[in-house]
Amino acid sequence: MAGKSSTGLAQWLLIAALIILADQFTKILVIGSFQLGDVRPVTGFFNLVRAHNYGAAFSFLHGASGWQRWFFLGLGVVAAVFITWMLRKHGQQKLFAWALTLILGGAIGNVIDRAVHGYVVDFIQVHAGGWYFPAFNVADSAITIGAILLILDELRRVRRT
């Protein structure tokens, strides 16, 4: 049983590593091609931008005095350890494990940014009718999809009971 569990964990960790690589690769491209604040329209509703987020989701605590960097970095590390433990225990539950894996990859991608830069690099901007959604990145997308999958998994679990 332990072999099967560790094989399952390795599979999920490999997927998380691919998410981290995709996230970091896209951020390196943006850092190399954009100055802070640059905007390049792609479609009528989508821009590539370079933004630095010192806070959390939707720039929460962006303007704090700097303590938030270490708080969110520590929170990301604790979350990664907890999620890895959950994946080891529940890796056979496919939807739940996919959700956790996406969240893990995204969380570590943003933790790397905080450790290296002191902020998270965002570059995807969606807008319509003069309304602009806060810029985000591949890691944020993975976390969001993972959260949606967690909700779906829980709704599915509740329907079965």
C-alpha atoms as a PDB file:
ATOM      1  CA  MET A   1       0.000   0.000   0.000  1.00  0.00           C
ATOM      2  CA  ALA A   2       2.826   2.422   0.836  1.00  0.00           C
ATOM      3  CA  GLY A   3       4.360   1.950  -2.626  1.00  0.00           C
ATOM      4  CA  LYS A   4       1.086   2.687  -4.350  1.00  0.00           C
ATOM      5  CA  SER A   5       0.535   5.744  -2.136  1.00  0.00           C
ATOM      6  CA  SER A   6       4.004   7.137  -2.823  1.00  0.00           C
ATOM      7  CA  THR A   7       3.604   6.490  -6.567  1.00  0.00           C
ATOM      8  CA  GLY A   8       0.324   8.408  -6.508  1.00  0.00           C
ATOM      9  CA  LEU A   9       1.948  11.223  -4.562  1.00  0.00           C
ATOM     10  CA  ALA A  10       4.835  11.364  -7.045  1.00  0.00           C
ATOM     11  CA  GLN A  11       2.349  11.700  -9.920  1.00  0.00           C
ATOM     12  CA  TRP A  12       0.567  14.620  -8.248  1.00  0.00           C
ATOM     13  CA  LEU A  13       3.846  16.305  -7.311  1.00  0.00           C
ATOM     14  CA  LEU A  14       5.053  15.984 -10.908  1.00  0.00           C
ATOM     15  CA  ILE A  15       1.906  17.717 -12.158  1.00  0.00           C
ATOM     16  CA  ALA A  16       2.367  20.460  -9.539  1.00  0.00           C
ATOM     17  CA  ALA A  17       5.986  20.855 -10.706  1.00  0.00           C
ATOM     18  CA  LEU A  18       4.786  21.303 -14.306  1.00  0.00           C
ATOM     19  CA  ILE A  19       2.405  24.033 -13.155  1.00  0.00           C
ATOM     20  CA  ILE A  20       5.259  25.735 -11.289  1.00  0.00           C
ATOM     21  CA  LEU A  21       7.486  25.535 -14.372  1.00  0.00           C
ATOM     22  CA  ALA A  22       4.775  26.965 -16.647  1.00  0.00           C
ATOM     23  CA  ASP A  23       4.116  29.757 -14.154  1.00  0.00           C
ATOM     24  CA  GLN A  24       7.771  30.684 -13.711  1.00  0.00           C
ATOM     25  CA  PHE A  25       8.539  30.416 -17.441  1.00  0.00           C
ATOM     26  CA  THR A  26       5.728  32.809 -18.358  1.00  0.00           C
ATOM     27  CA  LYS A  27       6.814  35.243 -15.642  1.00  0.00           C
ATOM     28  CA  ILE A  28      10.412  35.167 -16.914  1.00  0.00           C
ATOM     29  CA  LEU A  29       9.123  35.994 -20.396  1.00  0.00           C
ATOM     30  CA  VAL A  30       7.113  38.918 -19.037  1.00  0.00           C
ATOM     31  CA  ILE A  31       9.985  40.248 -16.920  1.00  0.00           C
ATOM     32  CA  GLY A  32      12.282  40.059 -19.955  1.00  0.00           C
ATOM     33  CA  SER A  33       9.837  41.710 -22.370  1.00  0.00           C
ATOM     34  CA  PHE A  34       7.875  44.260 -20.315  1.00  0.00           C
ATOM     35  CA  GLN A  35       8.670  47.181 -18.074  1.00  0.00           C
ATOM     36  CA  LEU A  36       6.520  47.603 -14.991  1.00  0.00           C
ATOM     37  CA  GLY A  37       3.205  49.118 -16.114  1.00  0.00           C
ATOM     38  CA  ASP A  38       3.544  48.183 -19.794  1.00  0.00           C
ATOM     39  CA  VAL A  39       0.286  47.133 -21.474  1.00  0.00           C
ATOM     40  CA  ARG A  40       0.023  45.280 -24.766  1.00  0.00           C
ATOM     41  CA  PRO A  41      -3.500  44.721 -26.097  1.00  0.00           C
ATOM     42  CA  VAL A  42      -4.057  41.215 -27.494  1.00  0.00           C
ATOM     43  CA  THR A  43      -7.819  41.322 -28.142  1.00  0.00           C
ATOM     44  CA  GLY A  44     -10.633  43.729 -27.348  1.00  0.00           C
ATOM     45  CA  PHE A  45     -11.002  42.135 -23.904  1.00  0.00           C
ATOM     46  CA  PHE A  46      -7.519  40.791 -23.092  1.00  0.00           C
ATOM     47  CA  ASN A  47      -4.181  42.532 -22.478  1.00  0.00           C
ATOM     48  CA  LEU A  48      -0.732  41.406 -21.491  1.00  0.00           C
ATOM     49  CA  VAL A  49       0.635  43.673 -18.773  1.00  0.00           C
ATOM     50  CA  ARG A  50       3.386  43.717 -16.192  1.00  0.00           C
ATOM     51  CA  ALA A  51       2.173  44.327 -12.680  1.00  0.00           C
ATOM     52  CA  HIS A  52       3.733  43.652  -9.295  1.00  0.00           C
ATOM     53  CA  ASN A  53       1.433  42.481  -6.520  1.00  0.00           C
ATOM     54  CA  TYR A  54       2.862  42.953  -3.031  1.00  0.00           C
ATOM     55  CA  GLY A  55      -0.366  41.718  -1.441  1.00  0.00           C
ATOM     56  CA  ALA A  56      -2.593  38.691  -1.878  1.00  0.00           C
ATOM     57  CA  ALA A  57      -5.507  37.962  -4.180  1.00  0.00           C
ATOM     58  CA  PHE A  58      -6.877  41.089  -5.871  1.00  0.00           C
ATOM     59  CA  SER A  59      -4.002  43.082  -4.293  1.00  0.00           C
ATOM     60  CA  PHE A  60      -5.345  42.580  -0.742  1.00  0.00           C
ATOM     61  CA  LEU A  61      -2.782  44.198   1.624  1.00  0.00           C
ATOM     62  CA  HIS A  62      -0.837  45.548  -1.383  1.00  0.00           C
ATOM     63  CA  GLY A  63      -0.120  48.785   0.436  1.00  0.00           C
ATOM     64  CA  ALA A  64       0.992  47.271   3.766  1.00  0.00           C
ATOM     65  CA  SER A  65       4.464  48.138   5.060  1.00  0.00           C
ATOM     66  CA  GLY A  66       6.259  44.983   3.875  1.00  0.00           C
ATOM     67  CA  TRP A  67       5.368  42.444   6.561  1.00  0.00           C
ATOM     68  CA  GLN A  68       2.867  40.883   4.148  1.00  0.00           C
ATOM     69  CA  ARG A  69       5.722  39.485   2.011  1.00  0.00           C
ATOM     70  CA  TRP A  70       6.903  37.254   4.853  1.00  0.00           C
ATOM     71  CA  PHE A  71       3.383  36.455   6.025  1.00  0.00           C
ATOM     72  CA  PHE A  72       2.232  35.252   2.592  1.00  0.00           C
ATOM     73  CA  LEU A  73       5.533  33.483   1.955  1.00  0.00           C
ATOM     74  CA  GLY A  74       5.175  31.589   5.258  1.00  0.00           C
ATOM     75  CA  LEU A  75       1.504  30.904   4.630  1.00  0.00           C
ATOM     76  CA  GLY A  76       2.367  29.477   1.207  1.00  0.00           C
ATOM     77  CA  VAL A  77       5.006  27.166   2.669  1.00  0.00           C
ATOM     78  CA  VAL A  78       2.639  25.925   5.395  1.00  0.00           C
ATOM     79  CA  ALA A  79      -0.118  25.407   2.794  1.00  0.00           C
ATOM     80  CA  ALA A  80       2.285  23.462   0.536  1.00  0.00           C
ATOM     81  CA  VAL A  81       3.263  21.123   3.380  1.00  0.00           C
ATOM     82  CA  PHE A  82      -0.384  20.582   4.358  1.00  0.00           C
ATOM     83  CA  ILE A  83      -1.505  19.995   0.770  1.00  0.00           C
ATOM     84  CA  THR A  84       1.323  17.510   0.190  1.00  0.00           C
ATOM     85  CA  TRP A  85       0.228  15.628   3.314  1.00  0.00           C
ATOM     86  CA  MET A  86      -3.389  15.655   2.060  1.00  0.00           C
ATOM     87  CA  LEU A  87      -2.288  14.379  -1.348  1.00  0.00           C
ATOM     88  CA  ARG A  88      -0.433  11.498   0.283  1.00  0.00           C
ATOM     89  CA  LYS A  89      -3.534  10.530   2.267  1.00  0.00           C
ATOM     90  CA  HIS A  90      -6.151  11.154  -0.438  1.00  0.00           C
ATOM     91  CA  GLY A  91      -4.287  10.925  -3.766  1.00  0.00           C
ATOM     92  CA  GLN A  92      -6.611   8.181  -4.972  1.00  0.00           C
ATOM     93  CA  GLN A  93      -9.583  10.605  -4.927  1.00  0.00           C
ATOM     94  CA  LYS A  94      -9.024  11.984  -8.421  1.00  0.00           C
ATOM     95  CA  LEU A  95     -11.066  15.190  -8.421  1.00  0.00           C
ATOM     96  CA  PHE A  96      -9.939  16.115  -4.904  1.00  0.00           C
ATOM     97  CA  ALA A  97      -6.300  15.368  -5.790  1.00  0.00           C
ATOM     98  CA  TRP A  98      -6.500  17.421  -9.004  1.00  0.00           C
ATOM     99  CA  ALA A  99      -7.879  20.337  -6.986  1.00  0.00           C
ATOM    100  CA  LEU A 100      -5.122  20.087  -4.390  1.00  0.00           C
ATOM    101  CA  THR A 101      -2.431  19.681  -7.058  1.00  0.00           C
ATOM    102  CA  LEU A 102      -3.521  22.805  -8.928  1.00  0.00           C
ATOM    103  CA  ILE A 103      -3.609  24.791  -5.698  1.00  0.00           C
ATOM    104  CA  LEU A 104      -0.203  23.415  -4.673  1.00  0.00           C
ATOM    105  CA  GLY A 105       1.451  24.297  -7.985  1.00  0.00           C
ATOM    106  CA  GLY A 106      -0.056  27.773  -7.969  1.00  0.00           C
ATOM    107  CA  ALA A 107       0.810  28.446  -4.346  1.00  0.00           C
ATOM    108  CA  ILE A 108       4.438  27.424  -4.818  1.00  0.00           C
ATOM    109  CA  GLY A 109       4.683  29.466  -8.030  1.00  0.00           C
ATOM    110  CA  ASN A 110       3.638  32.584  -6.140  1.00  0.00           C
ATOM    111  CA  VAL A 111       5.816  31.710  -3.121  1.00  0.00           C
ATOM    112  CA  ILE A 112       8.834  31.593  -5.439  1.00  0.00           C
ATOM    113  CA  ASP A 113       7.987  35.110  -6.647  1.00  0.00           C
ATOM    114  CA  ARG A 114       7.703  36.415  -3.088  1.00  0.00           C
ATOM    115  CA  ALA A 115      11.008  34.808  -2.094  1.00  0.00           C
ATOM    116  CA  VAL A 116      12.908  36.015  -5.180  1.00  0.00           C
ATOM    117  CA  HIS A 117      11.305  39.394  -5.925  1.00  0.00           C
ATOM    118  CA  GLY A 118       9.328  40.375  -2.835  1.00  0.00           C
ATOM    119  CA  TYR A 119       6.156  40.527  -4.924  1.00  0.00           C
ATOM    120  CA  VAL A 120       4.146  38.376  -7.333  1.00  0.00           C
ATOM    121  CA  VAL A 121       4.471  39.085 -11.065  1.00  0.00           C
ATOM    122  CA  ASP A 122       1.045  39.375 -12.726  1.00  0.00           C
ATOM    123  CA  PHE A 123       0.536  39.749 -16.459  1.00  0.00           C
ATOM    124  CA  ILE A 124      -2.928  38.613 -17.592  1.00  0.00           C
ATOM    125  CA  GLN A 125      -5.526  41.361 -17.725  1.00  0.00           C
ATOM    126  CA  VAL A 126      -9.139  40.843 -18.751  1.00  0.00           C
ATOM    127  CA  HIS A 127     -11.443  43.807 -19.348  1.00  0.00           C
ATOM    128  CA  ALA A 128     -14.798  44.747 -20.836  1.00  0.00           C
ATOM    129  CA  GLY A 129     -16.778  47.962 -21.135  1.00  0.00           C
ATOM    130  CA  GLY A 130     -14.207  49.997 -19.220  1.00  0.00           C
ATOM    131  CA  TRP A 131     -14.115  47.483 -16.350  1.00  0.00           C
ATOM    132  CA  TYR A 132     -10.732  45.874 -15.655  1.00  0.00           C
ATOM    133  CA  PHE A 133     -10.337  42.691 -13.646  1.00  0.00           C
ATOM    134  CA  PRO A 134      -7.168  42.759 -11.490  1.00  0.00           C
ATOM    135  CA  ALA A 135      -4.147  41.336 -13.310  1.00  0.00           C
ATOM    136  CA  PHE A 136      -3.281  37.721 -12.534  1.00  0.00           C
ATOM    137  CA  ASN A 137      -0.918  34.950 -13.650  1.00  0.00           C
ATOM    138  CA  VAL A 138      -0.703  31.210 -14.372  1.00  0.00           C
ATOM    139  CA  ALA A 139      -0.326  30.386 -10.654  1.00  0.00           C
ATOM    140  CA  ASP A 140      -3.463  32.391  -9.807  1.00  0.00           C
ATOM    141  CA  SER A 141      -5.343  30.599 -12.587  1.00  0.00           C
ATOM    142  CA  ALA A 142      -4.280  27.190 -11.232  1.00  0.00           C
ATOM    143  CA  ILE A 143      -5.336  28.169  -7.703  1.00  0.00           C
ATOM    144  CA  THR A 144      -8.721  29.403  -8.950  1.00  0.00           C
ATOM    145  CA  ILE A 145      -9.398  26.269 -11.003  1.00  0.00           C
ATOM    146  CA  GLY A 146      -8.287  24.155  -8.033  1.00  0.00           C
ATOM    147  CA  ALA A 147     -10.685  25.993  -5.729  1.00  0.00           C
ATOM    148  CA  ILE A 148     -13.551  25.445  -8.186  1.00  0.00           C
ATOM    149  CA  LEU A 149     -12.690  21.734  -8.348  1.00  0.00           C
ATOM    150  CA  LEU A 150     -12.675  21.569  -4.532  1.00  0.00           C
ATOM    151  CA  ILE A 151     -16.178  23.026  -4.473  1.00  0.00           C
ATOM    152  CA  LEU A 152     -17.353  20.585  -7.169  1.00  0.00           C
ATOM    153  CA  ASP A 153     -15.785  17.685  -5.276  1.00  0.00           C
ATOM    154  CA  GLU A 154     -17.559  18.689  -2.081  1.00  0.00           C
ATOM    155  CA  LEU A 155     -20.899  19.148  -3.877  1.00  0.00           C
ATOM    156  CA  ARG A 156     -20.466  15.701  -5.413  1.00  0.00           C
ATOM    157  CA  ARG A 157     -19.625  14.237  -2.007  1.00  0.00           C
ATOM    158  CA  VAL A 158     -22.707  15.861  -0.400  1.00  0.00           C
ATOM    159  CA  ARG A 159     -24.987  14.564  -3.178  1.00  0.00           C
ATOM    160  CA  ARG A 160     -23.775  10.992  -2.552  1.00  0.00           C
ATOM    161  CA  THR A 161     -24.662  11.087   1.169  1.00  0.00           C
END
